[in-house]
Amino acid sequence: MDFGSFRAVDGCSFSVAKGSITGLVGPNGAGKTTVFNMIAGALRPSGGRIAYRGEDITALAPDRRFHKGAVRTFQIPHEFHHLSVIENLMVVAPAQPGETLLSNWFSRARVRKAEAETSRRAWEALEFLELTHVAHQRAGQISGGQKKLLELGRTIMTDAELVLLDEPAAGVNRTLLRKLEEKIEYLNRERGYTFILIEHDMEMIERLCEPVICMAEGKVLIEGSFQTVRSDPRVLEAYLGERQGAAT
């Protein structure tokens, strides 16, 4: 991925196994979020290809990727801050008949039935996330950690298959962080969600991720278990600028 003369992602190649929680780590500027934007379709790669479930989706629009089950969250939550928490979940559900003008005129019963089902699913998501107590608050008024849980709730409303989590721990207190980790583990284990997780909180990466991929300067530096990645001298050099043999 080139931005003018600057190459942000350079020959970066990796695969993500279905059903895994894959950690994507690396120092600031390594190209991690750019890779996410390419996978989600917000950026068109300058070269190379992106494949999802065996299909080349390099030229596919973001909304088409969404409907194929590939969704993402953001480091800074993108909630509709004037809508309530439950409304933020309800608007995400795809293929709602009430989204078309003709259905609202001529199929009102079908629209009401679908809206009631969407409301039920949204409430179930809030119960799962333990956010029912803020269901009717404006989303812009809840805490940063609750907004991260709300971002995860949006993926539940889509029946996602691949979820890109961009720094879910950023700005989250430890209590809510443990809850967030539990929800990610449950969705992975019980619903079969595949996660790619960008995170600087190494405790979270260690608890959740297998394998871990470390990027530096737009390239994959190493891939393996957390312990393998953490102990590699190149990773220490990438994060701290220390070269092999400089630290004991």
Protein backbone atom coordinates (compact mmCIF):
# COMPACT_ATOMS: atom_id res chain seq x y z
CA MET A 1 0.00 0.00 0.00
CA ASP A 2 1.60 3.22 -1.21
CA PHE A 3 0.74 6.72 -0.08
CA GLY A 4 2.58 8.80 -2.63
CA SER A 5 6.23 7.84 -2.35
CA PHE A 6 5.75 6.24 1.07
CA ARG A 7 5.15 2.47 1.16
CA ALA A 8 3.10 1.73 4.29
CA VAL A 9 2.63 -2.00 3.57
CA ASP A 10 5.37 -3.81 1.69
CA GLY A 11 5.09 -7.46 0.68
CA CYS A 12 3.01 -8.25 3.77
CA SER A 13 1.65 -11.79 3.44
CA PHE A 14 -0.10 -13.97 6.01
CA SER A 15 -3.06 -16.30 6.37
CA VAL A 16 -5.66 -16.44 9.14
CA ALA A 17 -7.07 -19.84 10.04
CA LYS A 18 -10.82 -20.17 10.37
CA GLY A 19 -11.84 -20.26 14.04
CA SER A 20 -8.62 -18.68 15.30
CA ILE A 21 -7.94 -15.54 17.32
CA THR A 22 -4.92 -14.17 15.50
CA GLY A 23 -2.92 -11.37 17.11
CA LEU A 24 -1.41 -8.66 14.92
CA VAL A 25 1.24 -6.72 16.84
CA GLY A 26 4.08 -4.34 16.09
CA PRO A 27 5.32 -0.87 16.93
CA ASN A 28 3.40 2.26 15.95
CA GLY A 29 3.76 2.86 12.23
CA ALA A 30 4.27 -0.81 11.41
CA GLY A 31 1.28 -0.79 9.02
CA LYS A 32 -1.19 -2.79 11.12
CA THR A 33 -4.22 -0.49 10.80
CA THR A 34 -3.45 0.06 7.11
CA VAL A 35 -3.65 -3.71 6.65
CA PHE A 36 -7.02 -3.70 8.44
CA ASN A 37 -8.27 -0.92 6.17
CA MET A 38 -7.19 -2.95 3.15
CA ILE A 39 -8.91 -6.12 4.39
CA ALA A 40 -12.11 -4.19 5.21
CA GLY A 41 -12.08 -2.44 1.83
CA ALA A 42 -11.52 1.14 3.01
CA LEU A 43 -8.25 1.18 1.05
CA ARG A 44 -7.55 -0.39 -2.35
CA PRO A 45 -4.09 -2.03 -2.32
CA SER A 46 -1.49 -0.57 -4.64
CA GLY A 47 -0.47 -4.15 -5.41
CA GLY A 48 -1.07 -7.73 -4.36
CA ARG A 49 -4.37 -9.38 -3.52
CA ILE A 50 -6.69 -10.10 -0.61
CA ALA A 51 -8.52 -13.42 -0.48
CA TYR A 52 -11.41 -14.30 1.82
CA ARG A 53 -12.65 -17.90 2.01
CA GLY A 54 -10.85 -18.61 -1.27
CA GLU A 55 -12.39 -15.65 -3.11
CA ASP A 56 -10.37 -12.71 -4.39
CA ILE A 57 -12.02 -9.67 -2.77
CA THR A 58 -9.31 -7.13 -3.62
CA ALA A 59 -11.71 -5.02 -5.71
CA LEU A 60 -14.84 -5.70 -3.64
CA ALA A 61 -16.60 -2.72 -2.05
CA PRO A 62 -16.68 -2.51 1.78
CA ASP A 63 -20.44 -3.12 1.97
CA ARG A 64 -20.09 -6.29 -0.11
CA ARG A 65 -17.43 -7.56 2.29
CA PHE A 66 -19.73 -6.74 5.19
CA HIS A 67 -22.49 -8.85 3.70
CA LYS A 68 -20.03 -11.71 3.24
CA GLY A 69 -19.40 -11.68 7.01
CA ALA A 70 -16.17 -9.66 7.22
CA VAL A 71 -16.64 -6.77 9.66
CA ARG A 72 -14.38 -4.52 11.71
CA THR A 73 -14.32 -2.38 14.82
CA PHE A 74 -12.29 0.76 15.35
CA GLN A 75 -9.68 1.92 17.83
CA ILE A 76 -11.81 5.03 18.39
CA PRO A 77 -15.43 3.80 18.54
CA HIS A 78 -17.68 5.05 15.74
CA GLU A 79 -21.02 5.01 17.50
CA PHE A 80 -24.06 7.05 16.44
CA HIS A 81 -23.75 9.22 19.55
CA HIS A 82 -27.25 10.79 19.36
CA LEU A 83 -28.96 7.39 19.12
CA SER A 84 -29.52 5.16 22.12
CA VAL A 85 -27.31 2.16 22.78
CA ILE A 86 -29.99 -0.30 21.66
CA GLU A 87 -30.73 1.77 18.54
CA ASN A 88 -27.02 1.61 17.67
CA LEU A 89 -27.36 -2.17 17.57
CA MET A 90 -30.65 -2.21 15.71
CA VAL A 91 -29.42 -0.10 12.79
CA VAL A 92 -26.63 -2.61 12.07
CA ALA A 93 -28.80 -5.63 11.32
CA PRO A 94 -28.69 -6.21 7.53
CA ALA A 95 -31.57 -6.64 5.09
CA GLN A 96 -34.26 -4.91 7.16
CA PRO A 97 -37.46 -4.40 5.11
CA GLY A 98 -38.09 -1.07 6.84
CA GLU A 99 -35.08 0.38 5.02
CA THR A 100 -37.11 0.69 1.80
CA LEU A 101 -39.80 3.30 1.30
CA LEU A 102 -42.17 0.96 -0.54
CA SER A 103 -42.08 -1.61 2.25
CA ASN A 104 -43.04 1.05 4.78
CA TRP A 105 -46.05 1.98 2.63
CA PHE A 106 -47.27 -1.42 1.47
CA SER A 107 -45.81 -4.02 3.87
CA ARG A 108 -46.21 -2.41 7.24
CA ALA A 109 -46.99 -5.65 9.06
CA ARG A 110 -43.82 -7.26 7.71
CA VAL A 111 -41.79 -4.20 8.68
CA ARG A 112 -43.18 -4.20 12.23
CA LYS A 113 -42.53 -7.93 12.61
CA ALA A 114 -38.94 -7.57 11.39
CA GLU A 115 -38.34 -4.58 13.65
CA ALA A 116 -39.63 -6.50 16.66
CA GLU A 117 -37.25 -9.37 15.85
CA THR A 118 -34.33 -6.95 15.44
CA SER A 119 -35.19 -5.34 18.78
CA ARG A 120 -35.25 -8.77 20.42
CA ARG A 121 -31.84 -9.67 19.01
CA ALA A 122 -30.42 -6.32 20.06
CA TRP A 123 -31.68 -6.84 23.62
CA GLU A 124 -30.14 -10.33 23.69
CA ALA A 125 -26.84 -8.80 22.59
CA LEU A 126 -27.05 -6.23 25.38
CA GLU A 127 -27.75 -8.97 27.92
CA PHE A 128 -24.74 -10.91 26.66
CA LEU A 129 -22.56 -7.79 26.89
CA GLU A 130 -24.05 -6.84 30.28
CA LEU A 131 -25.13 -3.45 28.96
CA THR A 132 -28.89 -3.57 29.53
CA HIS A 133 -28.61 -0.88 32.21
CA VAL A 134 -27.50 1.64 29.56
CA ALA A 135 -29.77 0.38 26.76
CA HIS A 136 -31.72 3.62 26.46
CA GLN A 137 -28.90 6.05 27.13
CA ARG A 138 -27.43 7.98 24.25
CA ALA A 139 -24.42 6.05 22.99
CA GLY A 140 -22.28 9.17 23.16
CA GLN A 141 -22.80 9.34 26.93
CA ILE A 142 -21.54 5.89 27.94
CA SER A 143 -17.96 5.16 28.99
CA GLY A 144 -15.12 4.34 26.61
CA GLY A 145 -15.06 0.72 27.75
CA GLN A 146 -18.80 0.38 27.24
CA LYS A 147 -18.40 1.81 23.75
CA LYS A 148 -15.85 -0.92 22.98
CA LEU A 149 -18.38 -3.52 24.14
CA LEU A 150 -20.99 -1.81 21.96
CA GLU A 151 -18.64 -2.10 18.98
CA LEU A 152 -18.41 -5.84 19.67
CA GLY A 153 -22.20 -5.95 19.95
CA ARG A 154 -22.50 -4.61 16.43
CA THR A 155 -20.64 -7.65 15.13
CA ILE A 156 -23.16 -9.87 16.92
CA MET A 157 -25.99 -8.16 15.05
CA THR A 158 -24.37 -9.05 11.73
CA ASP A 159 -23.70 -12.76 12.39
CA ALA A 160 -20.11 -12.03 11.41
CA GLU A 161 -17.62 -14.73 10.42
CA LEU A 162 -14.43 -12.65 10.42
CA VAL A 163 -14.06 -9.78 12.90
CA LEU A 164 -11.21 -7.27 12.74
CA LEU A 165 -10.67 -5.78 16.20
CA ASP A 166 -8.54 -2.63 16.17
CA GLU A 167 -7.03 -2.05 19.65
CA PRO A 168 -10.09 -3.07 21.71
CA ALA A 169 -8.16 -2.52 24.97
CA ALA A 170 -7.29 1.13 24.23
CA GLY A 171 -8.79 3.38 26.91
CA VAL A 172 -10.57 0.51 28.68
CA ASN A 173 -10.26 -0.01 32.45
CA ARG A 174 -9.08 -3.40 33.67
CA THR A 175 -12.49 -4.55 34.89
CA LEU A 176 -14.17 -3.93 31.56
CA LEU A 177 -11.15 -5.28 29.72
CA ARG A 178 -11.50 -8.68 31.38
CA LYS A 179 -15.18 -8.66 30.46
CA LEU A 180 -14.32 -7.79 26.86
CA GLU A 181 -11.83 -10.66 26.72
CA GLU A 182 -14.46 -13.07 28.04
CA LYS A 183 -16.92 -12.00 25.34
CA ILE A 184 -14.33 -12.40 22.57
CA GLU A 185 -13.43 -15.88 23.83
CA TYR A 186 -17.11 -16.88 24.00
CA LEU A 187 -17.88 -15.63 20.47
CA ASN A 188 -14.84 -17.50 19.18
CA ARG A 189 -15.55 -20.72 21.07
CA GLU A 190 -19.35 -20.92 20.92
CA ARG A 191 -20.23 -19.06 17.72
CA GLY A 192 -17.17 -19.82 15.65
CA TYR A 193 -16.12 -16.23 15.06
CA THR A 194 -12.66 -15.78 13.58
CA PHE A 195 -10.83 -12.77 15.00
CA ILE A 196 -7.83 -10.72 13.92
CA LEU A 197 -6.79 -8.57 16.83
CA ILE A 198 -4.52 -5.50 16.71
CA GLU A 199 -3.40 -4.73 20.24
CA HIS A 200 -0.54 -3.17 22.22
CA ASP A 201 -1.68 -4.77 25.50
CA MET A 202 0.58 -7.82 25.48
CA GLU A 203 -1.25 -9.44 28.39
CA MET A 204 -4.39 -9.48 26.30
CA ILE A 205 -2.50 -10.85 23.29
CA GLU A 206 -0.97 -13.59 25.45
CA ARG A 207 -4.32 -14.61 26.93
CA LEU A 208 -6.30 -14.64 23.69
CA CYS A 209 -4.16 -15.06 20.61
CA GLU A 210 -2.73 -18.06 18.80
CA PRO A 211 -0.90 -17.40 16.55
CA VAL A 212 0.68 -13.96 16.87
CA ILE A 213 1.98 -12.06 13.85
CA CYS A 214 4.47 -9.24 14.39
CA MET A 215 4.80 -6.52 11.75
CA ALA A 216 7.52 -3.91 11.33
CA GLU A 217 8.03 -1.37 8.56
CA GLY A 218 5.09 -2.73 6.59
CA LYS A 219 6.33 -6.33 6.55
CA VAL A 220 5.67 -9.49 8.53
CA LEU A 221 8.62 -9.86 10.86
CA ILE A 222 7.72 -13.17 12.52
CA GLU A 223 4.69 -15.41 13.09
CA GLY A 224 4.28 -18.00 15.84
CA SER A 225 3.16 -18.51 19.41
CA PHE A 226 3.21 -15.57 21.80
CA GLN A 227 6.30 -16.92 23.54
CA THR A 228 8.11 -17.42 20.22
CA VAL A 229 7.33 -13.92 19.05
CA ARG A 230 8.11 -12.27 22.39
CA SER A 231 11.53 -13.92 22.64
CA ASP A 232 12.66 -13.13 19.08
CA PRO A 233 15.49 -10.54 19.08
CA ARG A 234 14.06 -8.88 15.97
CA VAL A 235 10.86 -8.08 17.84
CA LEU A 236 12.81 -6.42 20.65
CA GLU A 237 14.72 -4.42 18.05
CA ALA A 238 11.50 -3.36 16.29
CA TYR A 239 9.83 -2.19 19.51
CA LEU A 240 12.79 -0.77 21.42
CA GLY A 241 15.47 -0.18 18.83
CA GLU A 242 17.76 -2.68 20.56
CA ARG A 243 19.82 -4.88 18.30
CA GLN A 244 20.69 -8.53 18.78
CA GLY A 245 23.23 -8.97 21.56
CA ALA A 246 22.53 -5.51 23.00
CA ALA A 247 20.31 -6.86 25.78
CA THR A 248 20.67 -9.88 28.00
